Amino acid sequence: MIATTAFEEAARAQGEALGFNPAIVYVPHPIQDRTDQELRDIADRALDSVLAMITS
């Protein structure tokens, strides 16, 4: 799962409520007002964490 930092607590709580501990990568919040380039930069910075999450 990928979520923004504003939803860290909610993501953890939802996982616990469903009985599992989801693998989550957090990115900076907010994202809705970011430019295309800013979103690319955020994605680039998160890529290693995402790859580690899905290959572990």
PDB file of N, CA and C in Angstrom:
ATOM      1  N   MET A   1       0.840  -1.162   0.000  1.00  0.00           N
ATOM      2  CA  MET A   1       0.000   0.000   0.000  1.00  0.00           C
ATOM      3  C   MET A   1       0.895   1.238   0.000  1.00  0.00           C
ATOM      4  N   ILE A   2       0.462   2.248  -0.680  1.00  0.00           N
ATOM      5  CA  ILE A   2       1.139   3.544  -0.658  1.00  0.00           C
ATOM      6  C   ILE A   2       0.125   4.564  -0.142  1.00  0.00           C
ATOM      7  N   ALA A   3       0.555   5.340   0.844  1.00  0.00           N
ATOM      8  CA  ALA A   3      -0.325   6.349   1.437  1.00  0.00           C
ATOM      9  C   ALA A   3       0.499   7.580   1.773  1.00  0.00           C
ATOM     10  N   THR A   4      -0.178   8.692   1.965  1.00  0.00           N
ATOM     11  CA  THR A   4       0.544   9.887   2.385  1.00  0.00           C
ATOM     12  C   THR A   4       0.704   9.880   3.902  1.00  0.00           C
ATOM     13  N   THR A   5       1.656  10.662   4.359  1.00  0.00           N
ATOM     14  CA  THR A   5       1.984  10.697   5.780  1.00  0.00           C
ATOM     15  C   THR A   5       0.800  11.111   6.652  1.00  0.00           C
ATOM     16  N   ALA A   6      -0.137  11.836   6.096  1.00  0.00           N
ATOM     17  CA  ALA A   6      -1.312  12.253   6.874  1.00  0.00           C
ATOM     18  C   ALA A   6      -2.190  11.069   7.267  1.00  0.00           C
ATOM     19  N   PHE A   7      -1.998   9.931   6.598  1.00  0.00           N
ATOM     20  CA  PHE A   7      -2.855   8.771   6.834  1.00  0.00           C
ATOM     21  C   PHE A   7      -2.135   7.615   7.519  1.00  0.00           C
ATOM     22  N   GLU A   8      -0.958   7.880   8.109  1.00  0.00           N
ATOM     23  CA  GLU A   8      -0.208   6.809   8.774  1.00  0.00           C
ATOM     24  C   GLU A   8      -1.037   6.121   9.850  1.00  0.00           C
ATOM     25  N   GLU A   9      -1.586   6.885  10.763  1.00  0.00           N
ATOM     26  CA  GLU A   9      -2.358   6.299  11.863  1.00  0.00           C
ATOM     27  C   GLU A   9      -3.592   5.562  11.341  1.00  0.00           C
ATOM     28  N   ALA A  10      -4.283   6.150  10.390  1.00  0.00           N
ATOM     29  CA  ALA A  10      -5.490   5.528   9.837  1.00  0.00           C
ATOM     30  C   ALA A  10      -5.155   4.223   9.122  1.00  0.00           C
ATOM     31  N   ALA A  11      -4.058   4.194   8.383  1.00  0.00           N
ATOM     32  CA  ALA A  11      -3.666   2.979   7.667  1.00  0.00           C
ATOM     33  C   ALA A  11      -3.330   1.859   8.648  1.00  0.00           C
ATOM     34  N   ARG A  12      -2.578   2.198   9.698  1.00  0.00           N
ATOM     35  CA  ARG A  12      -2.253   1.195  10.717  1.00  0.00           C
ATOM     36  C   ARG A  12      -3.520   0.680  11.408  1.00  0.00           C
ATOM     37  N   ALA A  13      -4.407   1.588  11.768  1.00  0.00           N
ATOM     38  CA  ALA A  13      -5.646   1.204  12.452  1.00  0.00           C
ATOM     39  C   ALA A  13      -6.515   0.315  11.569  1.00  0.00           C
ATOM     40  N   GLN A  14      -6.596   0.640  10.299  1.00  0.00           N
ATOM     41  CA  GLN A  14      -7.404  -0.163   9.372  1.00  0.00           C
ATOM     42  C   GLN A  14      -6.823  -1.560   9.247  1.00  0.00           C
ATOM     43  N   GLY A  15      -5.509  -1.662   9.128  1.00  0.00           N
ATOM     44  CA  GLY A  15      -4.871  -2.974   9.058  1.00  0.00           C
ATOM     45  C   GLY A  15      -5.150  -3.798  10.302  1.00  0.00           C
ATOM     46  N   GLU A  16      -5.001  -3.184  11.462  1.00  0.00           N
ATOM     47  CA  GLU A  16      -5.273  -3.885  12.720  1.00  0.00           C
ATOM     48  C   GLU A  16      -6.731  -4.331  12.793  1.00  0.00           C
ATOM     49  N   ALA A  17      -7.641  -3.463  12.377  1.00  0.00           N
ATOM     50  CA  ALA A  17      -9.063  -3.799  12.411  1.00  0.00           C
ATOM     51  C   ALA A  17      -9.377  -4.982  11.502  1.00  0.00           C
ATOM     52  N   LEU A  18      -8.620  -5.100  10.414  1.00  0.00           N
ATOM     53  CA  LEU A  18      -8.831  -6.208   9.478  1.00  0.00           C
ATOM     54  C   LEU A  18      -7.994  -7.433   9.835  1.00  0.00           C
ATOM     55  N   GLY A  19      -7.167  -7.311  10.867  1.00  0.00           N
ATOM     56  CA  GLY A  19      -6.396  -8.447  11.340  1.00  0.00           C
ATOM     57  C   GLY A  19      -5.091  -8.708  10.625  1.00  0.00           C
ATOM     58  N   PHE A  20      -4.516  -7.693  10.000  1.00  0.00           N
ATOM     59  CA  PHE A  20      -3.217  -7.888   9.365  1.00  0.00           C
ATOM     60  C   PHE A  20      -2.385  -6.624   9.468  1.00  0.00           C
ATOM     61  N   ASN A  21      -1.111  -6.792   9.209  1.00  0.00           N
ATOM     62  CA  ASN A  21      -0.173  -5.674   9.259  1.00  0.00           C
ATOM     63  C   ASN A  21       0.288  -5.393   7.826  1.00  0.00           C
ATOM     64  N   PRO A  22      -0.366  -4.475   7.145  1.00  0.00           N
ATOM     65  CA  PRO A  22      -0.036  -4.239   5.737  1.00  0.00           C
ATOM     66  C   PRO A  22       1.345  -3.605   5.565  1.00  0.00           C
ATOM     67  N   ALA A  23       1.997  -3.966   4.473  1.00  0.00           N
ATOM     68  CA  ALA A  23       3.246  -3.300   4.095  1.00  0.00           C
ATOM     69  C   ALA A  23       2.849  -1.957   3.495  1.00  0.00           C
ATOM     70  N   ILE A  24       3.383  -0.884   4.050  1.00  0.00           N
ATOM     71  CA  ILE A  24       2.975   0.453   3.617  1.00  0.00           C
ATOM     72  C   ILE A  24       4.204   1.315   3.365  1.00  0.00           C
ATOM     73  N   VAL A  25       4.179   2.038   2.267  1.00  0.00           N
ATOM     74  CA  VAL A  25       5.182   3.064   1.983  1.00  0.00           C
ATOM     75  C   VAL A  25       4.453   4.399   2.063  1.00  0.00           C
ATOM     76  N   TYR A  26       5.001   5.299   2.861  1.00  0.00           N
ATOM     77  CA  TYR A  26       4.391   6.616   3.023  1.00  0.00           C
ATOM     78  C   TYR A  26       5.138   7.652   2.196  1.00  0.00           C
ATOM     79  N   VAL A  27       4.373   8.527   1.564  1.00  0.00           N
ATOM     80  CA  VAL A  27       4.930   9.634   0.790  1.00  0.00           C
ATOM     81  C   VAL A  27       4.429  10.938   1.405  1.00  0.00           C
ATOM     82  N   PRO A  28       5.073  12.051   1.087  1.00  0.00           N
ATOM     83  CA  PRO A  28       4.677  13.334   1.683  1.00  0.00           C
ATOM     84  C   PRO A  28       3.228  13.713   1.353  1.00  0.00           C
ATOM     85  N   HIS A  29       2.624  14.367   2.292  1.00  0.00           N
ATOM     86  CA  HIS A  29       1.253  14.866   2.139  1.00  0.00           C
ATOM     87  C   HIS A  29       1.303  16.388   2.058  1.00  0.00           C
ATOM     88  N   PRO A  30       0.470  17.027   1.303  1.00  0.00           N
ATOM     89  CA  PRO A  30      -0.538  16.501   0.395  1.00  0.00           C
ATOM     90  C   PRO A  30       0.061  16.226  -0.983  1.00  0.00           C
ATOM     91  N   ILE A  31      -0.711  15.520  -1.807  1.00  0.00           N
ATOM     92  CA  ILE A  31      -0.240  15.284  -3.171  1.00  0.00           C
ATOM     93  C   ILE A  31      -1.160  15.888  -4.226  1.00  0.00           C
ATOM     94  N   GLN A  32      -2.389  16.218  -3.852  1.00  0.00           N
ATOM     95  CA  GLN A  32      -3.348  16.664  -4.869  1.00  0.00           C
ATOM     96  C   GLN A  32      -2.975  17.973  -5.550  1.00  0.00           C
ATOM     97  N   ASP A  33      -2.174  18.805  -4.897  1.00  0.00           N
ATOM     98  CA  ASP A  33      -1.827  20.088  -5.519  1.00  0.00           C
ATOM     99  C   ASP A  33      -0.409  20.099  -6.080  1.00  0.00           C
ATOM    100  N   ARG A  34       0.186  18.923  -6.228  1.00  0.00           N
ATOM    101  CA  ARG A  34       1.558  18.829  -6.744  1.00  0.00           C
ATOM    102  C   ARG A  34       1.567  18.910  -8.266  1.00  0.00           C
ATOM    103  N   THR A  35       2.673  19.428  -8.782  1.00  0.00           N
ATOM    104  CA  THR A  35       2.848  19.437 -10.236  1.00  0.00           C
ATOM    105  C   THR A  35       3.217  18.029 -10.691  1.00  0.00           C
ATOM    106  N   ASP A  36       3.131  17.803 -11.984  1.00  0.00           N
ATOM    107  CA  ASP A  36       3.526  16.500 -12.525  1.00  0.00           C
ATOM    108  C   ASP A  36       4.964  16.170 -12.138  1.00  0.00           C
ATOM    109  N   GLN A  37       5.847  17.152 -12.229  1.00  0.00           N
ATOM    110  CA  GLN A  37       7.250  16.907 -11.892  1.00  0.00           C
ATOM    111  C   GLN A  37       7.427  16.588 -10.414  1.00  0.00           C
ATOM    112  N   GLU A  38       6.701  17.280  -9.562  1.00  0.00           N
ATOM    113  CA  GLU A  38       6.781  16.990  -8.126  1.00  0.00           C
ATOM    114  C   GLU A  38       6.309  15.565  -7.832  1.00  0.00           C
ATOM    115  N   LEU A  39       5.252  15.133  -8.516  1.00  0.00           N
ATOM    116  CA  LEU A  39       4.768  13.765  -8.327  1.00  0.00           C
ATOM    117  C   LEU A  39       5.790  12.750  -8.815  1.00  0.00           C
ATOM    118  N   ARG A  40       6.437  13.045  -9.937  1.00  0.00           N
ATOM    119  CA  ARG A  40       7.503  12.157 -10.422  1.00  0.00           C
ATOM    120  C   ARG A  40       8.633  12.064  -9.409  1.00  0.00           C
ATOM    121  N   ASP A  41       9.003  13.190  -8.840  1.00  0.00           N
ATOM    122  CA  ASP A  41      10.077  13.208  -7.840  1.00  0.00           C
ATOM    123  C   ASP A  41       9.692  12.395  -6.602  1.00  0.00           C
ATOM    124  N   ILE A  42       8.464  12.539  -6.152  1.00  0.00           N
ATOM    125  CA  ILE A  42       7.986  11.762  -5.007  1.00  0.00           C
ATOM    126  C   ILE A  42       8.027  10.270  -5.340  1.00  0.00           C
ATOM    127  N   ALA A  43       7.559   9.924  -6.518  1.00  0.00           N
ATOM    128  CA  ALA A  43       7.575   8.517  -6.936  1.00  0.00           C
ATOM    129  C   ALA A  43       8.999   7.988  -7.023  1.00  0.00           C
ATOM    130  N   ASP A  44       9.895   8.769  -7.583  1.00  0.00           N
ATOM    131  CA  ASP A  44      11.297   8.346  -7.676  1.00  0.00           C
ATOM    132  C   ASP A  44      11.890   8.090  -6.296  1.00  0.00           C
ATOM    133  N   ARG A  45      11.588   8.961  -5.347  1.00  0.00           N
ATOM    134  CA  ARG A  45      12.125   8.793  -3.989  1.00  0.00           C
ATOM    135  C   ARG A  45      11.521   7.577  -3.287  1.00  0.00           C
ATOM    136  N   ALA A  46      10.298   7.221  -3.631  1.00  0.00           N
ATOM    137  CA  ALA A  46       9.630   6.090  -2.984  1.00  0.00           C
ATOM    138  C   ALA A  46       9.931   4.753  -3.653  1.00  0.00           C
ATOM    139  N   LEU A  47      10.481   4.778  -4.844  1.00  0.00           N
ATOM    140  CA  LEU A  47      10.636   3.561  -5.638  1.00  0.00           C
ATOM    141  C   LEU A  47      11.402   2.461  -4.917  1.00  0.00           C
ATOM    142  N   ASP A  48      12.537   2.758  -4.325  1.00  0.00           N
ATOM    143  CA  ASP A  48      13.313   1.719  -3.645  1.00  0.00           C
ATOM    144  C   ASP A  48      12.510   1.071  -2.521  1.00  0.00           C
ATOM    145  N   SER A  49      11.777   1.864  -1.782  1.00  0.00           N
ATOM    146  CA  SER A  49      10.953   1.320  -0.695  1.00  0.00           C
ATOM    147  C   SER A  49       9.827   0.448  -1.239  1.00  0.00           C
ATOM    148  N   VAL A  50       9.223   0.864  -2.330  1.00  0.00           N
ATOM    149  CA  VAL A  50       8.146   0.078  -2.939  1.00  0.00           C
ATOM    150  C   VAL A  50       8.697  -1.251  -3.444  1.00  0.00           C
ATOM    151  N   LEU A  51       9.828  -1.213  -4.134  1.00  0.00           N
ATOM    152  CA  LEU A  51      10.423  -2.451  -4.641  1.00  0.00           C
ATOM    153  C   LEU A  51      10.800  -3.389  -3.506  1.00  0.00           C
ATOM    154  N   ALA A  52      11.365  -2.848  -2.440  1.00  0.00           N
ATOM    155  CA  ALA A  52      11.716  -3.673  -1.284  1.00  0.00           C
ATOM    156  C   ALA A  52      10.464  -4.292  -0.666  1.00  0.00           C
ATOM    157  N   MET A  53       9.394  -3.528  -0.616  1.00  0.00           N
ATOM    158  CA  MET A  53       8.153  -4.005  -0.018  1.00  0.00           C
ATOM    159  C   MET A  53       7.573  -5.170  -0.818  1.00  0.00           C
ATOM    160  N   ILE A  54       7.571  -5.064  -2.132  1.00  0.00           N
ATOM    161  CA  ILE A  54       6.913  -6.102  -2.938  1.00  0.00           C
ATOM    162  C   ILE A  54       7.805  -7.307  -3.207  1.00  0.00           C
ATOM    163  N   THR A  55       9.083  -7.202  -2.914  1.00  0.00           N
ATOM    164  CA  THR A  55       9.978  -8.338  -3.149  1.00  0.00           C
ATOM    165  C   THR A  55      10.411  -9.019  -1.862  1.00  0.00           C
ATOM    166  N   SER A  56       9.880  -8.572  -0.735  1.00  0.00           N
ATOM    167  CA  SER A  56      10.291  -9.208   0.531  1.00  0.00           C
ATOM    168  C   SER A  56       9.270 -10.228   0.990  1.00  0.00           C
TER     169      SER A  56
END
